[in-house]
Amino acid sequence: MGGAGWQLTGGPPARRASGARREEAASAAGARAWSSPGGGQRRGRLPARGRGPERQGGEAAGGAVGLFLAGDGEELLAGALSGFALGVGTKGLWGGRRVRAISSEKSSMGIIPVEGIRGGQVSPGGGGGDGGPDLISRFPDEILGSIITLLPTEDGCRTQILSRRWRPLWRSAPFNLEAPFAGYPQNDGKQVAATLGMLETHKGPVRRFALTCRAWHYGLSFMEPVLKSPRLQNIQEMEVYLYKCWEFSLSLLQFSPVLSVLHICSGVAFPTEAACELSFPSLRQFTLAEVRISESALSGILSRCPVLESLVLVGNAGCRRLQISSSTLRSIGVSGDKEDWNWGPKLEELIIEDAPLLERLIPRIPNHGLVIRVMQAPRLRTLGYLHDDIPTFELGTLLFEKMVPVSLSNATRSVKILALLTAPNLDLVTAFLKCFPCVEKLYIVSYTPMIFKNLKCYAPLECLDQHLKMLQITNYEEESDINFIKFFVLNARQLESMKFIVRHEKCDEIWIARQHRILQVKDRASGGARFDFEAKPWSSSLVHMKHIHDLAMDPFDGSLCRCHADDFL
């Protein structure tokens, strides 16, 4: 949708509450302004969930709260309210999930100051104190409910203490039900009873159900009372994360007609007979990880997903060869697995025959020798990580054998974001840039201590002369990467940013100054290019599954990640 969006931004700091009330407000609401240190309004990436004022900047508890709702009104994001992330934004993420706004109406509103929150205490009638009206609480119940349902169950429940206005909203808002189980059979009954109690207490519709068990379990039969609850009949999202569960519950499949998101990450065997009858008319995101499923069952399920936009297949067994033709798919993430004859054959070949809307293809690491062939994908924009564990990668008329270009009859000009897992081999990387001449963002993860001379003389490259704007080098090492990096410093004419992820505990000013000197930064081809160094003793080229599904974000940009430390999905 077009048209100007509307934006809410934080106003000046409020007066602090006094005594016990101030302490209560600070701990219960934790409201603080979202503004630049100089007091100006700031737009862009929202603060991460759970970060305290000492790490986030801005006002401490008791300040004004800022929200923004920009763009076309079709995407919602939680920002900064009450100590946990709560806000509104365009094409954003909260906890790795894309969120759609409940309203698609255009708006021509301008910037509206929000000054009515005082130490987390909101006027019962929706009005503020001396600082002006509380415009946040004047949102309709439907919008406030949509904001609340983006939060984890516990954080959503905590919104009840913000004010009288907010108190009844959580119980009627769409419910985000999370059911974590420890995996001990003796405790199953109590945990199931607690889950049923939440369903009985909360009167709003259940939007999402996430079942998690991080220990070995004998099956899902203990969850039957929950899965058969009439409250789950119209859920939109289901996530099942189990460590090991040999018994698959057919009750999970009863929701197929209404689901828009389905993630199954578990060591289960998918029932072939049931799969032949499954249909997902509304499914847009689908993940299968560590699942045993036959080729016929998987192909049949995909053929009965008429609106599927995003597909992730990770470490599955039972299917050696998969062919995909889809007029709706926009994102595919895939990885193979080691051969395990007790579990079933691994995926050996993926063939994408026709995908006219496909925008991103993510061969997820580890790949274990998976061959990938893409026949038709004219809109492919994001590609990677490509690495030599892929024995054959075919894209149209381009052919690569273990990262080495073999057939280069025609370049692919649609790719704008390219990620490579490779040694700092200049000949190899420039060959890729000839194959993909319109790349604007290039991510390189260096994984080998091998030293290449990289004394290549510059020859005109369209990518460096006209397109490349961002280059990120992960695992940068001075001894092996200097000439490799220097080539881009001296020849990338459109470069705006170069970032180095360094395997150090820290990057002090003396060390950074030395890198600037030996990389000849003063002689750079692009006078406005920035050079940033980030110390990170350990880094990974693993792309999170949630990032593959989220088409609004660059899946290789780690600075955008808001996942928990243990949330590798």
Protein backbone atom coordinates (compact mmCIF):
# COMPACT_ATOMS: atom_id res chain seq x y z
CA MET A 1 0.00 0.00 0.00
CA GLY A 2 1.18 3.49 -0.71
CA GLY A 3 0.62 6.78 1.03
CA ALA A 4 2.29 8.43 3.94
CA GLY A 5 2.30 6.55 7.18
CA TRP A 6 2.00 8.01 10.63
CA GLN A 7 4.58 8.33 13.31
CA LEU A 8 4.60 8.70 17.04
CA THR A 9 7.81 9.88 18.66
CA GLY A 10 8.90 10.53 22.22
CA GLY A 11 8.48 13.92 23.82
CA PRO A 12 10.45 15.58 26.63
CA PRO A 13 11.23 13.74 29.87
CA ALA A 14 8.50 13.70 32.43
CA ARG A 15 8.72 14.66 36.06
CA ARG A 16 9.68 11.76 38.29
CA ALA A 17 7.27 10.15 40.67
CA SER A 18 8.26 10.37 44.30
CA GLY A 19 9.17 7.87 47.00
CA ALA A 20 7.76 4.36 46.87
CA ARG A 21 5.51 5.22 43.96
CA ARG A 22 8.53 6.18 41.85
CA GLU A 23 10.30 2.92 42.69
CA GLU A 24 7.17 0.94 41.91
CA ALA A 25 6.75 2.72 38.61
CA ALA A 26 10.37 2.16 37.67
CA SER A 27 10.26 -1.58 38.36
CA ALA A 28 6.76 -2.24 37.07
CA ALA A 29 6.69 -0.15 33.94
CA GLY A 30 10.29 0.78 33.21
CA ALA A 31 9.13 3.33 30.67
CA ARG A 32 11.86 5.41 29.12
CA ALA A 33 12.23 7.68 26.14
CA TRP A 34 13.49 6.45 22.82
CA SER A 35 15.45 9.44 21.64
CA SER A 36 18.94 10.47 20.69
CA PRO A 37 21.31 11.67 23.44
CA GLY A 38 20.92 15.23 22.16
CA GLY A 39 17.18 15.12 22.56
CA GLY A 40 16.40 14.84 18.87
CA GLN A 41 13.98 12.33 17.50
CA ARG A 42 15.60 9.17 16.24
CA ARG A 43 14.31 6.75 13.67
CA GLY A 44 15.75 3.40 12.71
CA ARG A 45 16.41 0.14 14.46
CA LEU A 46 14.62 -0.33 17.74
CA PRO A 47 16.41 -1.25 20.95
CA ALA A 48 16.82 -4.92 21.71
CA ARG A 49 14.49 -6.64 24.11
CA GLY A 50 15.55 -6.65 27.70
CA ARG A 51 18.42 -4.19 27.47
CA GLY A 52 18.68 -1.86 30.40
CA PRO A 53 19.06 1.93 30.32
CA GLU A 54 22.81 1.63 30.90
CA ARG A 55 23.20 -0.20 27.58
CA GLN A 56 20.48 1.47 25.59
CA GLY A 57 20.88 5.18 26.29
CA GLY A 58 17.98 7.62 26.36
CA GLU A 59 15.83 8.36 29.39
CA ALA A 60 15.70 6.15 32.46
CA ALA A 61 12.51 4.91 34.09
CA GLY A 62 9.93 7.65 34.37
CA GLY A 63 10.65 9.35 31.04
CA ALA A 64 8.35 9.73 28.10
CA VAL A 65 7.66 6.77 25.86
CA GLY A 66 8.07 6.95 22.08
CA LEU A 67 6.46 4.76 19.45
CA PHE A 68 6.54 5.01 15.71
CA LEU A 69 4.20 3.62 13.11
CA ALA A 70 5.62 4.49 9.71
CA GLY A 71 5.25 3.39 6.11
CA ASP A 72 2.20 1.79 4.59
CA GLY A 73 0.56 0.53 7.78
CA GLU A 74 0.92 -3.15 6.89
CA GLU A 75 3.70 -4.07 9.31
CA LEU A 76 3.85 -3.73 13.08
CA LEU A 77 6.81 -3.97 15.42
CA ALA A 78 7.13 -3.90 19.17
CA GLY A 79 9.55 -0.97 20.43
CA ALA A 80 10.29 0.35 23.93
CA LEU A 81 7.71 0.32 26.70
CA SER A 82 7.67 -1.03 30.27
CA GLY A 83 11.19 -2.45 30.31
CA PHE A 84 10.46 -5.05 27.63
CA ALA A 85 10.50 -4.19 23.94
CA LEU A 86 7.21 -2.72 22.82
CA GLY A 87 6.68 -0.44 19.87
CA VAL A 88 5.30 -0.03 16.41
CA GLY A 89 7.21 0.07 13.13
CA THR A 90 7.42 -0.81 9.47
CA LYS A 91 8.59 -4.16 8.10
CA GLY A 92 10.21 -5.08 11.37
CA LEU A 93 10.92 -8.00 13.62
CA TRP A 94 10.06 -8.82 17.19
CA GLY A 95 11.68 -11.99 18.44
CA GLY A 96 12.28 -13.02 14.86
CA ARG A 97 8.60 -12.92 13.86
CA ARG A 98 7.14 -10.70 11.17
CA VAL A 99 3.97 -9.01 12.30
CA ARG A 100 1.13 -7.65 10.24
CA ALA A 101 -0.84 -4.64 11.36
CA ILE A 102 -4.55 -5.05 11.95
CA SER A 103 -5.38 -2.03 9.84
CA SER A 104 -4.40 -1.31 6.27
CA GLU A 105 -6.02 2.10 6.02
CA LYS A 106 -3.83 4.89 4.69
CA SER A 107 -3.07 7.77 6.98
CA SER A 108 -1.80 11.26 6.32
CA MET A 109 -1.02 12.10 9.93
CA GLY A 110 2.25 13.84 10.65
CA ILE A 111 4.52 13.59 13.68
CA ILE A 112 2.60 13.46 16.93
CA PRO A 113 4.41 13.98 20.27
CA VAL A 114 3.67 11.51 23.01
CA GLU A 115 4.12 13.06 26.42
CA GLY A 116 1.45 11.47 28.54
CA ILE A 117 3.24 8.55 30.18
CA ARG A 118 4.48 9.47 33.64
CA GLY A 119 6.67 6.88 35.34
CA GLY A 120 4.59 4.12 33.79
CA GLN A 121 1.36 5.55 35.30
CA VAL A 122 -1.30 6.28 32.71
CA SER A 123 -4.40 8.28 33.37
CA PRO A 124 -7.42 6.01 33.74
CA GLY A 125 -9.33 7.94 31.15
CA GLY A 126 -6.55 7.77 28.58
CA GLY A 127 -5.33 11.29 29.29
CA GLY A 128 -1.96 12.29 30.61
CA GLY A 129 -0.84 14.62 33.35
CA ASP A 130 0.86 17.97 33.01
CA GLY A 131 2.84 16.89 29.93
CA GLY A 132 -0.15 16.41 27.61
CA PRO A 133 -2.46 13.64 26.45
CA ASP A 134 -1.49 9.97 26.57
CA LEU A 135 -1.91 9.19 22.91
CA ILE A 136 -0.63 5.63 23.23
CA SER A 137 -3.50 4.59 25.45
CA ARG A 138 -5.93 6.30 23.10
CA PHE A 139 -5.25 3.63 20.49
CA PRO A 140 -8.27 1.36 19.94
CA ASP A 141 -8.31 -1.88 21.90
CA GLU A 142 -7.63 -3.82 18.69
CA ILE A 143 -4.28 -2.06 18.11
CA LEU A 144 -3.20 -2.30 21.74
CA GLY A 145 -4.18 -5.97 21.72
CA SER A 146 -2.08 -6.57 18.60
CA ILE A 147 0.90 -4.93 20.29
CA ILE A 148 0.47 -7.08 23.40
CA THR A 149 0.21 -10.31 21.42
CA LEU A 150 3.65 -9.75 19.89
CA LEU A 151 5.21 -10.24 23.30
CA PRO A 152 6.12 -13.50 25.03
CA THR A 153 3.40 -14.78 27.32
CA GLU A 154 5.00 -13.49 30.54
CA ASP A 155 5.73 -10.02 29.17
CA GLY A 156 2.24 -9.73 27.71
CA CYS A 157 0.79 -10.56 31.11
CA ARG A 158 2.90 -7.83 32.73
CA THR A 159 1.20 -5.10 30.69
CA GLN A 160 -1.73 -5.39 33.11
CA ILE A 161 0.19 -3.38 35.72
CA LEU A 162 0.75 -0.37 33.46
CA SER A 163 -2.56 1.31 34.22
CA ARG A 164 -6.30 0.78 34.53
CA ARG A 165 -6.58 1.34 30.79
CA TRP A 166 -4.22 -1.55 30.06
CA ARG A 167 -5.38 -3.92 32.80
CA PRO A 168 -8.20 -5.73 30.91
CA LEU A 169 -6.47 -5.77 27.53
CA TRP A 170 -4.20 -8.79 27.97
CA ARG A 171 -7.04 -11.17 28.84
CA SER A 172 -8.91 -10.26 25.67
CA ALA A 173 -5.95 -9.75 23.29
CA PRO A 174 -5.00 -12.47 20.79
CA PHE A 175 -3.12 -15.02 22.88
CA ASN A 176 0.51 -15.96 22.29
CA LEU A 177 0.58 -19.30 24.12
CA GLU A 178 4.03 -20.71 24.91
CA ALA A 179 4.20 -24.13 26.52
CA PRO A 180 7.77 -25.04 27.55
CA PHE A 181 8.19 -28.52 29.03
CA ALA A 182 11.20 -29.83 30.91
CA GLY A 183 10.80 -33.30 29.45
CA TYR A 184 10.28 -35.19 32.70
CA PRO A 185 7.19 -37.47 32.51
CA GLN A 186 6.47 -37.14 36.23
CA ASN A 187 5.86 -33.40 35.76
CA ASP A 188 3.79 -33.59 32.58
CA GLY A 189 0.43 -33.64 34.33
CA LYS A 190 1.12 -30.44 36.28
CA GLN A 191 2.44 -28.64 33.20
CA VAL A 192 -0.52 -29.66 31.08
CA ALA A 193 -2.90 -28.51 33.83
CA ALA A 194 -1.12 -25.15 33.98
CA THR A 195 -1.41 -24.76 30.20
CA LEU A 196 -5.12 -25.61 30.26
CA GLY A 197 -5.54 -23.13 33.10
CA MET A 198 -4.06 -20.35 30.98
CA LEU A 199 -6.38 -21.22 28.12
CA GLU A 200 -9.37 -21.09 30.47
CA THR A 201 -8.34 -17.79 32.08
CA HIS A 202 -7.45 -15.95 28.88
CA LYS A 203 -10.58 -15.09 26.90
CA GLY A 204 -8.96 -13.78 23.73
CA PRO A 205 -8.47 -15.91 20.61
CA VAL A 206 -5.30 -18.03 20.54
CA ARG A 207 -3.11 -16.70 17.73
CA ARG A 208 0.09 -18.71 18.27
CA PHE A 209 0.93 -21.95 20.06
CA ALA A 210 4.58 -22.85 20.69
CA LEU A 211 5.41 -26.23 22.24
CA THR A 212 9.01 -26.63 23.40
CA CYS A 213 10.73 -29.57 25.05
CA ARG A 214 14.53 -29.55 25.23
CA ALA A 215 14.97 -33.04 26.68
CA TRP A 216 14.30 -36.50 25.25
CA HIS A 217 10.64 -37.38 25.38
CA TYR A 218 8.63 -40.49 24.70
CA GLY A 219 5.96 -38.77 22.63
CA LEU A 220 3.27 -36.13 22.57
CA SER A 221 0.39 -38.17 23.97
CA PHE A 222 0.62 -36.22 27.22
CA MET A 223 -0.33 -33.07 25.25
CA GLU A 224 -3.57 -34.49 23.84
CA PRO A 225 -5.81 -32.57 26.31
CA VAL A 226 -4.23 -29.31 25.16
CA LEU A 227 -4.17 -30.13 21.44
CA LYS A 228 -7.83 -31.12 21.52
CA SER A 229 -8.90 -27.96 23.29
CA PRO A 230 -11.53 -26.07 21.27
CA ARG A 231 -9.60 -22.87 22.08
CA LEU A 232 -6.93 -23.91 19.55
CA GLN A 233 -9.29 -24.46 16.65
CA ASN A 234 -8.43 -21.21 14.87
CA ILE A 235 -4.74 -20.72 15.70
CA GLN A 236 -2.69 -19.01 13.00
CA GLU A 237 0.82 -20.07 14.04
CA MET A 238 2.15 -23.34 15.45
CA GLU A 239 5.74 -24.05 16.50
CA VAL A 240 6.91 -27.44 17.77
CA TYR A 241 10.49 -27.65 19.06
CA LEU A 242 11.36 -31.04 20.52
CA TYR A 243 14.76 -32.61 21.17
CA LYS A 244 13.68 -36.17 20.42
CA CYS A 245 10.17 -37.45 20.08
CA TRP A 246 9.69 -40.71 18.20
CA GLU A 247 5.91 -40.67 18.35
CA PHE A 248 4.22 -38.13 16.08
CA SER A 249 0.87 -36.84 17.24
CA LEU A 250 -1.74 -36.73 14.49
CA SER A 251 -3.55 -34.11 16.57
CA LEU A 252 -0.94 -31.62 15.35
CA LEU A 253 -2.29 -31.98 11.82
CA GLN A 254 -5.87 -31.05 12.63
CA PHE A 255 -4.94 -27.36 12.41
CA SER A 256 -3.72 -27.53 8.79
CA PRO A 257 -6.73 -25.69 7.28
CA VAL A 258 -6.18 -22.53 9.35
CA LEU A 259 -2.41 -22.29 9.89
CA SER A 260 -0.41 -19.52 8.24
CA VAL A 261 2.87 -20.44 10.01
CA LEU A 262 4.09 -23.96 10.85
CA HIS A 263 7.51 -24.83 12.28
CA ILE A 264 8.28 -28.46 13.19
CA CYS A 265 11.79 -28.96 14.58
CA SER A 266 11.97 -32.41 16.11
CA GLY A 267 13.32 -35.90 15.63
CA VAL A 268 9.98 -37.30 14.51
CA ALA A 269 8.92 -39.47 11.61
CA PHE A 270 6.24 -37.68 9.61
CA PRO A 271 3.37 -40.12 8.85
CA THR A 272 3.27 -40.70 5.10
CA GLU A 273 -0.36 -41.81 5.03
CA ALA A 274 -1.55 -38.67 6.80
CA ALA A 275 0.67 -36.44 4.65
CA CYS A 276 -1.06 -37.64 1.50
CA GLU A 277 -4.31 -36.09 2.72
CA LEU A 278 -2.92 -32.87 4.21
CA SER A 279 -3.76 -29.50 2.72
CA PHE A 280 -2.54 -26.10 3.94
CA PRO A 281 -4.64 -23.52 2.07
CA SER A 282 -3.43 -20.58 4.22
CA LEU A 283 0.18 -21.60 4.99
CA ARG A 284 2.78 -18.90 4.23
CA GLN A 285 5.78 -20.02 6.32
CA PHE A 286 6.83 -23.66 6.63
CA THR A 287 9.82 -25.14 8.45
CA LEU A 288 10.82 -28.80 8.69
CA ALA A 289 14.00 -29.51 10.64
CA GLU A 290 15.37 -32.88 11.79
CA VAL A 291 12.26 -34.64 10.51
CA ARG A 292 12.07 -37.95 8.68
CA ILE A 293 9.72 -37.59 5.73
CA SER A 294 9.52 -39.40 2.41
CA GLU A 295 9.98 -37.71 -0.96
CA SER A 296 6.40 -38.36 -1.99
CA ALA A 297 5.01 -37.01 1.30
CA LEU A 298 7.09 -33.81 1.18
CA SER A 299 6.37 -33.15 -2.50
CA GLY A 300 2.68 -33.76 -1.89
CA ILE A 301 2.50 -31.36 1.05
CA LEU A 302 4.29 -28.60 -0.89
CA SER A 303 1.96 -29.05 -3.84
CA ARG A 304 -1.00 -28.39 -1.55
CA CYS A 305 0.34 -25.09 -0.15
CA PRO A 306 -1.09 -22.66 -2.72
CA VAL A 307 0.07 -19.43 -0.99
CA LEU A 308 3.41 -20.60 0.52
CA GLU A 309 5.98 -17.78 0.56
CA SER A 310 8.84 -19.12 2.67
CA LEU A 311 10.24 -22.65 3.05
CA VAL A 312 13.07 -23.89 5.28
CA LEU A 313 14.30 -27.51 5.16
CA VAL A 314 17.15 -28.33 7.55
CA GLY A 315 18.76 -31.70 8.29
CA ASN A 316 15.81 -33.83 7.24
CA ALA A 317 15.97 -37.49 6.22
CA GLY A 318 14.00 -39.81 4.00
CA CYS A 319 14.08 -37.67 0.84
CA ARG A 320 17.06 -37.90 -1.53
CA ARG A 321 15.85 -35.61 -4.31
CA LEU A 322 13.38 -32.76 -4.16
CA GLN A 323 11.94 -30.83 -7.09
CA ILE A 324 10.16 -27.53 -6.45
CA SER A 325 7.97 -25.49 -8.78
CA SER A 326 6.05 -22.69 -7.12
CA SER A 327 4.46 -19.48 -8.32
CA THR A 328 4.36 -18.05 -4.78
CA LEU A 329 7.64 -18.97 -3.03
CA ARG A 330 9.85 -15.98 -2.24
CA SER A 331 12.41 -17.50 0.14
CA ILE A 332 14.04 -20.92 0.43
CA GLY A 333 16.55 -22.08 3.04
CA VAL A 334 17.99 -25.59 2.82
CA SER A 335 20.73 -27.77 4.23
CA GLY A 336 21.61 -31.44 4.02
CA ASP A 337 22.66 -33.80 6.77
CA LYS A 338 25.08 -36.65 7.31
CA GLU A 339 24.01 -40.06 6.08
CA ASP A 340 22.37 -42.05 8.86
CA TRP A 341 20.95 -45.38 7.73
CA ASN A 342 19.08 -45.79 11.01
CA TRP A 343 17.28 -42.51 10.36
CA GLY A 344 17.00 -42.59 6.56
CA PRO A 345 18.70 -41.24 3.43
CA LYS A 346 19.78 -37.62 3.39
CA LEU A 347 18.75 -34.93 0.91
CA GLU A 348 21.28 -35.09 -1.92
CA GLU A 349 19.81 -32.84 -4.62
CA LEU A 350 17.49 -29.83 -4.67
CA ILE A 351 16.08 -28.76 -8.03
CA ILE A 352 14.17 -25.49 -8.27
CA GLU A 353 12.53 -25.81 -11.65
CA ASP A 354 10.42 -22.67 -11.77
CA ALA A 355 10.11 -20.02 -9.08
CA PRO A 356 9.18 -16.69 -10.70
CA LEU A 357 8.90 -14.81 -7.37
CA LEU A 358 11.91 -16.34 -5.58
CA GLU A 359 13.95 -13.53 -3.99
CA ARG A 360 16.35 -15.37 -1.70
CA LEU A 361 18.11 -18.72 -1.65
CA ILE A 362 20.01 -19.64 1.51
CA PRO A 363 22.11 -22.83 1.43
CA ARG A 364 22.38 -23.18 5.19
CA ILE A 365 25.58 -24.52 6.75
CA PRO A 366 26.43 -27.38 7.17
CA ASN A 367 25.49 -28.61 3.71
CA HIS A 368 27.00 -32.12 3.61
CA GLY A 369 27.35 -32.35 -0.16
CA LEU A 370 23.91 -31.11 -1.23
CA VAL A 371 23.70 -30.37 -4.99
CA ILE A 372 21.58 -27.31 -5.82
CA ARG A 373 20.18 -26.58 -9.28
CA VAL A 374 18.09 -23.49 -10.01
CA MET A 375 16.54 -23.50 -13.48
CA GLN A 376 14.28 -20.42 -13.37
CA ALA A 377 14.41 -17.71 -10.69
CA PRO A 378 14.46 -14.36 -12.49
CA ARG A 379 13.95 -12.28 -9.32
CA LEU A 380 16.64 -13.88 -7.17
CA ARG A 381 18.14 -11.06 -5.12
CA THR A 382 19.80 -12.63 -2.05
CA LEU A 383 22.15 -15.62 -2.30
CA GLY A 384 24.46 -17.34 0.18
CA TYR A 385 26.37 -18.64 1.90
CA LEU A 386 28.02 -20.32 -1.07
CA HIS A 387 30.91 -22.57 -0.07
CA ASP A 388 32.95 -25.52 -1.32
CA ASP A 389 30.83 -28.04 0.60
CA ILE A 390 28.31 -27.58 -2.22
CA PRO A 391 29.73 -29.90 -4.89
CA THR A 392 27.58 -28.44 -7.68
CA PHE A 393 25.66 -25.17 -7.76
CA GLU A 394 23.77 -24.30 -10.91
CA LEU A 395 21.91 -21.04 -11.48
CA GLY A 396 20.49 -20.65 -14.95
CA THR A 397 23.51 -20.86 -17.26
CA LEU A 398 26.02 -20.37 -14.42
CA LEU A 399 27.71 -23.49 -13.11
CA PHE A 400 30.02 -23.77 -10.08
CA GLU A 401 31.89 -26.88 -8.97
CA LYS A 402 33.06 -26.61 -5.35
CA MET A 403 32.98 -22.79 -5.57
CA VAL A 404 34.96 -22.72 -8.82
CA PRO A 405 33.12 -21.09 -11.77
CA VAL A 406 32.97 -23.57 -14.64
CA SER A 407 30.43 -22.10 -17.06
CA LEU A 408 30.08 -18.30 -17.27
CA SER A 409 28.09 -17.84 -20.46
CA ASN A 410 25.77 -15.19 -18.96
CA ALA A 411 26.02 -13.09 -15.83
CA THR A 412 23.12 -12.97 -13.35
CA ARG A 413 22.26 -9.31 -12.77
CA SER A 414 19.37 -9.73 -10.33
CA VAL A 415 21.53 -10.71 -7.32
CA LYS A 416 22.16 -7.70 -5.03
CA ILE A 417 23.24 -9.44 -1.81
CA LEU A 418 25.90 -12.17 -1.98
CA ALA A 419 27.46 -14.15 0.89
CA LEU A 420 30.53 -16.36 0.50
CA LEU A 421 32.24 -18.74 2.90
CA THR A 422 35.71 -18.94 1.44
CA ALA A 423 39.41 -18.44 1.87
CA PRO A 424 40.70 -14.89 1.18
CA ASN A 425 41.30 -15.81 -2.46
CA LEU A 426 41.05 -12.73 -4.63
CA ASP A 427 40.90 -14.63 -7.92
CA LEU A 428 37.95 -16.65 -6.69
CA VAL A 429 36.00 -13.70 -5.27
CA THR A 430 36.49 -11.48 -8.33
CA ALA A 431 35.28 -14.36 -10.49
CA PHE A 432 32.06 -14.38 -8.47
CA LEU A 433 31.72 -10.62 -8.95
CA LYS A 434 31.94 -11.16 -12.70
CA CYS A 435 29.13 -13.70 -12.44
CA PHE A 436 27.05 -11.35 -10.26
CA PRO A 437 28.07 -7.88 -11.48
CA CYS A 438 25.28 -5.94 -9.73
CA VAL A 439 26.07 -7.01 -6.15
CA GLU A 440 25.64 -4.12 -3.69
CA LYS A 441 26.32 -5.95 -0.41
CA LEU A 442 29.05 -8.57 -0.16
CA TYR A 443 29.56 -10.75 2.93
CA ILE A 444 32.72 -12.85 3.17
CA VAL A 445 33.44 -15.27 6.01
CA SER A 446 37.11 -16.27 5.93
CA TYR A 447 37.56 -19.77 7.30
CA THR A 448 41.12 -20.87 6.49
CA PRO A 449 44.60 -19.85 7.70
CA MET A 450 45.97 -20.33 4.18
CA ILE A 451 47.84 -17.28 2.89
CA PHE A 452 47.31 -16.15 -0.69
CA LYS A 453 49.58 -13.57 -2.29
CA ASN A 454 46.58 -11.74 -3.80
CA LEU A 455 48.80 -9.49 -5.91
CA LYS A 456 46.15 -9.20 -8.60
CA CYS A 457 46.43 -6.12 -10.79
CA TYR A 458 43.19 -4.21 -11.11
CA ALA A 459 41.09 -4.87 -14.16
CA PRO A 460 37.78 -3.03 -14.61
CA LEU A 461 34.90 -4.74 -12.82
CA GLU A 462 31.38 -3.39 -13.18
CA CYS A 463 30.56 -4.42 -9.61
CA LEU A 464 33.44 -2.40 -8.10
CA ASP A 465 33.06 0.56 -10.45
CA GLN A 466 29.30 1.01 -10.18
CA HIS A 467 27.50 -1.11 -7.58
CA LEU A 468 29.33 -2.42 -4.48
CA LYS A 469 28.33 -0.30 -1.48
CA MET A 470 28.96 -2.55 1.53
CA LEU A 471 31.59 -5.17 2.29
CA GLN A 472 31.79 -7.19 5.50
CA ILE A 473 34.76 -9.41 6.31
CA THR A 474 34.24 -11.91 9.15
CA ASN A 475 37.24 -13.54 10.87
CA TYR A 476 39.59 -10.83 9.63
CA GLU A 477 43.27 -11.58 10.27
CA GLU A 478 46.01 -9.11 9.50
CA GLU A 479 48.54 -11.75 8.45
CA SER A 480 46.44 -13.34 5.68
CA ASP A 481 43.89 -10.74 4.61
CA ILE A 482 45.82 -7.49 4.02
CA ASN A 483 46.30 -7.66 0.24
CA PHE A 484 42.86 -9.16 -0.18
CA ILE A 485 41.17 -6.27 1.64
CA LYS A 486 43.43 -3.63 0.17
CA PHE A 487 42.23 -4.53 -3.32
CA PHE A 488 38.69 -3.48 -2.40
CA VAL A 489 39.82 -0.41 -0.48
CA LEU A 490 41.71 0.91 -3.50
CA ASN A 491 39.23 -0.10 -6.22
CA ALA A 492 35.63 -0.07 -4.95
CA ARG A 493 34.52 3.34 -6.17
CA GLN A 494 30.97 3.30 -4.77
CA LEU A 495 31.84 1.81 -1.38
CA GLU A 496 30.00 3.33 1.58
CA SER A 497 30.86 0.94 4.38
CA MET A 498 33.46 -1.74 5.12
CA LYS A 499 33.07 -3.71 8.33
CA PHE A 500 35.60 -6.09 9.88
CA ILE A 501 34.57 -8.78 12.39
CA VAL A 502 37.83 -9.52 14.17
CA ARG A 503 38.70 -12.58 16.24
CA HIS A 504 40.00 -10.49 19.12
CA GLU A 505 38.83 -9.75 22.62
CA LYS A 506 38.94 -6.04 21.75
CA CYS A 507 40.06 -3.60 19.06
CA ASP A 508 41.88 -0.69 20.69
CA GLU A 509 42.64 2.61 19.02
CA ILE A 510 46.29 1.81 18.41
CA TRP A 511 45.46 -1.45 16.65
CA ILE A 512 42.73 0.19 14.54
CA ALA A 513 45.08 3.02 13.53
CA ARG A 514 47.60 0.41 12.39
CA GLN A 515 44.97 -1.31 10.25
CA HIS A 516 44.04 2.00 8.63
CA ARG A 517 47.68 2.56 7.77
CA ILE A 518 48.50 -0.85 6.30
CA LEU A 519 45.19 -1.02 4.41
CA GLN A 520 45.95 2.38 2.86
CA VAL A 521 42.61 3.80 3.92
CA LYS A 522 43.79 7.33 3.06
CA ASP A 523 44.11 6.26 -0.56
CA ARG A 524 40.67 4.63 -0.77
CA ALA A 525 38.79 4.85 -4.07
CA SER A 526 35.59 5.99 -2.35
CA GLY A 527 36.26 9.07 -0.26
CA GLY A 528 33.12 8.69 1.85
CA ALA A 529 33.62 5.05 2.82
CA ARG A 530 33.47 4.17 6.54
CA PHE A 531 35.69 1.51 8.11
CA ASP A 532 34.42 -0.19 11.27
CA PHE A 533 36.07 -2.87 13.39
CA GLU A 534 34.15 -5.13 15.77
CA ALA A 535 35.87 -7.53 18.16
CA LYS A 536 34.16 -10.89 18.34
CA PRO A 537 36.25 -13.87 19.53
CA TRP A 538 33.73 -16.28 18.03
CA SER A 539 31.49 -15.73 15.03
CA SER A 540 29.31 -17.97 12.91
CA SER A 541 28.10 -18.08 9.33
CA LEU A 542 24.94 -19.86 10.46
CA VAL A 543 21.84 -18.04 9.21
CA HIS A 544 18.94 -18.31 11.64
CA MET A 545 15.81 -19.94 10.31
CA LYS A 546 13.70 -17.00 11.44
CA HIS A 547 15.86 -14.64 9.42
CA ILE A 548 15.33 -16.74 6.31
CA HIS A 549 11.58 -16.39 6.72
CA ASP A 550 11.67 -12.65 7.36
CA LEU A 551 11.81 -11.00 3.95
CA ALA A 552 12.01 -7.55 5.52
CA MET A 553 15.57 -8.05 6.80
CA ASP A 554 18.99 -8.86 5.38
CA PRO A 555 19.54 -12.41 6.68
CA PHE A 556 23.34 -12.00 6.81
CA ASP A 557 23.36 -8.76 8.84
CA GLY A 558 24.04 -9.89 12.41
CA SER A 559 23.45 -6.40 13.78
CA LEU A 560 19.73 -6.84 13.05
CA CYS A 561 19.44 -10.11 14.99
CA ARG A 562 17.21 -9.96 18.07
CA CYS A 563 17.21 -13.68 18.81
CA HIS A 564 18.15 -15.05 22.22
CA ALA A 565 21.59 -16.57 22.69
CA ASP A 566 20.09 -20.07 22.54
CA ASP A 567 17.64 -19.28 19.76
CA PHE A 568 19.59 -20.76 16.86
CA LEU A 569 16.42 -21.34 14.89
